[in-house]
Amino acid sequence: MTKTFRIPRNYGKKRGLPRRVEAAELDSVGCSADGRDILLSPRAAEAWSKMRDAASSAGVTLVPISGFRSIERQKEIIESKLSKGETIASILAAVGAPGYSEHHTGRAIDIGTPGEPPLTESFASTRAYSWLDAHASEFGFRLSFPRGNPHGIAYEPWHWFHVAG
């Protein structure tokens, strides 16, 4: 049974998050560990490729975990969490509401590195994160949700957004 949910009316304003439009054009940047095709907007895909190659040249392996996610997929993620007993408030502290996620744009990428569990704060203690922290901006990427971010989203050292469009 699918649980229905309501996003608070003032969600975007309260969180300082703009509504996001789904990307119309997407390019593959590889597959996830479970075989899903990871998609980014063409400019973000090109920037990712250059950034991944530069990291590799420095002896750092960056692995794409997740890219584009539709508004519908975002709803499914929230419904799944609700069905497991999580509250909408706790979910929205870790997952952007449908229509507000940077993943909808095709310009957000979740990044991991071999030997490290994906999508965990421990990523922040890896060489990969240190390299991203020092160099991601050279490729147009920024960390979206640092500690204490004004959006009320949990710290996500793995989530990077291509700001150069």
Protein backbone atom coordinates (compact mmCIF):
# COMPACT_ATOMS: atom_id res chain seq x y z
CA MET A 1 0.00 0.00 0.00
CA THR A 2 1.34 3.41 -1.00
CA LYS A 3 1.19 6.05 1.69
CA THR A 4 0.11 9.48 0.55
CA PHE A 5 1.83 12.53 1.89
CA ARG A 6 1.61 16.28 1.73
CA ILE A 7 4.53 18.61 1.41
CA PRO A 8 4.02 21.66 3.65
CA ARG A 9 2.79 24.60 1.59
CA ASN A 10 5.63 26.84 2.69
CA TYR A 11 8.31 24.14 2.18
CA GLY A 12 10.32 25.94 -0.53
CA LYS A 13 10.17 29.35 1.11
CA LYS A 14 10.96 28.01 4.59
CA ARG A 15 13.88 25.93 3.30
CA GLY A 16 15.18 28.54 0.86
CA LEU A 17 14.86 26.02 -1.96
CA PRO A 18 13.64 26.93 -5.44
CA ARG A 19 11.32 24.71 -7.45
CA ARG A 20 13.35 22.61 -9.88
CA VAL A 21 12.47 21.74 -13.45
CA GLU A 22 13.21 18.27 -14.73
CA ALA A 23 16.05 18.09 -17.24
CA ALA A 24 14.91 17.61 -20.82
CA GLU A 25 18.20 16.28 -22.16
CA LEU A 26 20.40 13.76 -20.37
CA ASP A 27 23.64 11.88 -21.07
CA SER A 28 24.86 8.69 -19.44
CA VAL A 29 27.91 8.91 -17.17
CA GLY A 30 28.03 5.20 -16.37
CA CYS A 31 26.17 2.69 -14.27
CA SER A 32 25.56 2.46 -10.56
CA ALA A 33 26.65 -0.58 -8.57
CA ASP A 34 23.18 -2.06 -9.10
CA GLY A 35 23.31 -1.54 -12.86
CA ARG A 36 21.13 1.58 -13.18
CA ASP A 37 22.17 4.07 -15.84
CA ILE A 38 23.32 7.32 -14.22
CA LEU A 39 22.25 10.37 -16.18
CA LEU A 40 23.30 14.02 -16.06
CA SER A 41 22.55 17.06 -18.20
CA PRO A 42 25.05 17.31 -21.08
CA ARG A 43 27.13 20.12 -19.55
CA ALA A 44 27.18 18.48 -16.11
CA ALA A 45 28.10 15.14 -17.71
CA GLU A 46 31.02 16.74 -19.55
CA ALA A 47 32.20 18.51 -16.38
CA TRP A 48 31.86 15.27 -14.38
CA SER A 49 33.96 13.39 -16.92
CA LYS A 50 36.72 16.01 -16.76
CA MET A 51 36.60 16.11 -12.96
CA ARG A 52 36.67 12.30 -12.63
CA ASP A 53 39.65 12.12 -15.02
CA ALA A 54 41.54 14.86 -13.15
CA ALA A 55 40.94 13.06 -9.85
CA SER A 56 42.13 9.80 -11.40
CA SER A 57 45.32 11.52 -12.56
CA ALA A 58 45.86 12.53 -8.94
CA GLY A 59 45.38 8.94 -7.79
CA VAL A 60 41.80 9.44 -6.55
CA THR A 61 38.88 7.33 -7.74
CA LEU A 62 35.48 9.03 -7.94
CA VAL A 63 32.46 6.79 -8.54
CA PRO A 64 29.04 8.08 -9.62
CA ILE A 65 26.28 6.76 -7.37
CA SER A 66 23.22 8.70 -8.49
CA GLY A 67 22.39 11.48 -10.91
CA PHE A 68 19.10 12.58 -12.47
CA ARG A 69 15.96 11.63 -10.57
CA SER A 70 12.49 12.49 -11.82
CA ILE A 71 9.88 14.16 -9.66
CA GLU A 72 7.93 10.90 -9.81
CA ARG A 73 10.95 8.91 -8.58
CA GLN A 74 11.40 11.40 -5.72
CA LYS A 75 7.78 10.72 -4.70
CA GLU A 76 8.45 6.96 -4.76
CA ILE A 77 11.49 7.37 -2.51
CA ILE A 78 9.45 9.32 0.04
CA GLU A 79 6.54 6.85 -0.13
CA SER A 80 8.95 3.98 0.48
CA LYS A 81 10.39 5.68 3.54
CA LEU A 82 6.89 6.43 4.85
CA SER A 83 5.91 2.78 4.41
CA LYS A 84 8.87 1.86 6.63
CA GLY A 85 7.53 4.06 9.42
CA GLU A 86 9.56 7.24 8.94
CA THR A 87 7.78 10.56 9.42
CA ILE A 88 7.52 13.12 6.65
CA ALA A 89 9.46 15.61 8.82
CA SER A 90 12.41 13.24 9.26
CA ILE A 91 12.34 12.29 5.58
CA LEU A 92 12.41 15.92 4.44
CA ALA A 93 15.48 16.51 6.62
CA ALA A 94 17.36 14.06 4.39
CA VAL A 95 15.54 14.07 1.04
CA GLY A 96 14.41 17.03 -1.03
CA ALA A 97 10.67 17.25 -1.62
CA PRO A 98 9.42 16.32 -5.09
CA GLY A 99 9.84 19.39 -7.27
CA TYR A 100 12.66 20.80 -5.12
CA SER A 101 15.48 18.27 -5.50
CA GLU A 102 18.63 19.30 -7.37
CA HIS A 103 18.57 15.80 -8.85
CA HIS A 104 15.58 16.81 -11.02
CA THR A 105 17.82 19.20 -12.97
CA GLY A 106 20.29 16.54 -14.05
CA ARG A 107 23.04 18.69 -12.56
CA ALA A 108 23.38 16.93 -9.18
CA ILE A 109 25.57 13.89 -8.69
CA ASP A 110 26.08 11.73 -5.65
CA ILE A 111 29.70 10.60 -5.54
CA GLY A 112 31.44 7.74 -3.79
CA THR A 113 34.78 6.01 -3.80
CA PRO A 114 35.73 2.31 -3.74
CA GLY A 115 35.81 0.68 -0.31
CA GLU A 116 33.54 3.29 1.27
CA PRO A 117 29.83 2.70 1.96
CA PRO A 118 27.78 4.94 -0.35
CA LEU A 119 25.79 7.92 0.85
CA THR A 120 27.26 8.07 4.35
CA GLU A 121 28.91 10.89 6.26
CA SER A 122 32.07 8.80 6.46
CA PHE A 123 32.71 9.81 2.85
CA ALA A 124 33.90 13.13 4.29
CA SER A 125 36.97 11.40 5.75
CA THR A 126 38.12 9.95 2.41
CA ARG A 127 40.83 11.13 0.01
CA ALA A 128 38.07 11.44 -2.59
CA TYR A 129 36.19 13.99 -0.50
CA SER A 130 39.37 15.92 0.29
CA TRP A 131 40.14 16.06 -3.42
CA LEU A 132 36.60 17.22 -4.24
CA ASP A 133 36.72 19.84 -1.50
CA ALA A 134 39.92 21.26 -3.00
CA HIS A 135 39.13 20.90 -6.72
CA ALA A 136 35.41 20.44 -7.52
CA SER A 137 34.85 24.18 -8.00
CA GLU A 138 37.43 24.14 -10.82
CA PHE A 139 34.92 22.00 -12.73
CA GLY A 140 31.83 24.00 -11.75
CA PHE A 141 30.66 21.78 -8.87
CA ARG A 142 29.80 22.80 -5.32
CA LEU A 143 28.85 20.88 -2.20
CA SER A 144 25.13 21.47 -1.82
CA PHE A 145 24.52 20.52 1.79
CA PRO A 146 27.45 21.25 4.10
CA ARG A 147 27.05 21.02 7.86
CA GLY A 148 24.64 23.63 9.17
CA ASN A 149 23.32 24.54 5.72
CA PRO A 150 20.42 27.03 5.68
CA HIS A 151 18.08 24.54 3.96
CA GLY A 152 17.67 22.25 6.95
CA ILE A 153 18.95 19.30 4.90
CA ALA A 154 21.27 16.80 6.58
CA TYR A 155 24.99 17.03 5.85
CA GLU A 156 25.65 15.25 2.55
CA PRO A 157 29.37 15.22 1.71
CA TRP A 158 28.61 13.02 -1.33
CA HIS A 159 26.10 15.39 -3.03
CA TRP A 160 27.62 17.84 -5.54
CA PHE A 161 25.80 20.25 -7.87
CA HIS A 162 27.06 21.57 -11.19
CA VAL A 163 26.36 25.29 -10.93
CA ALA A 164 27.69 26.18 -14.36
CA GLY A 165 24.44 24.96 -15.91
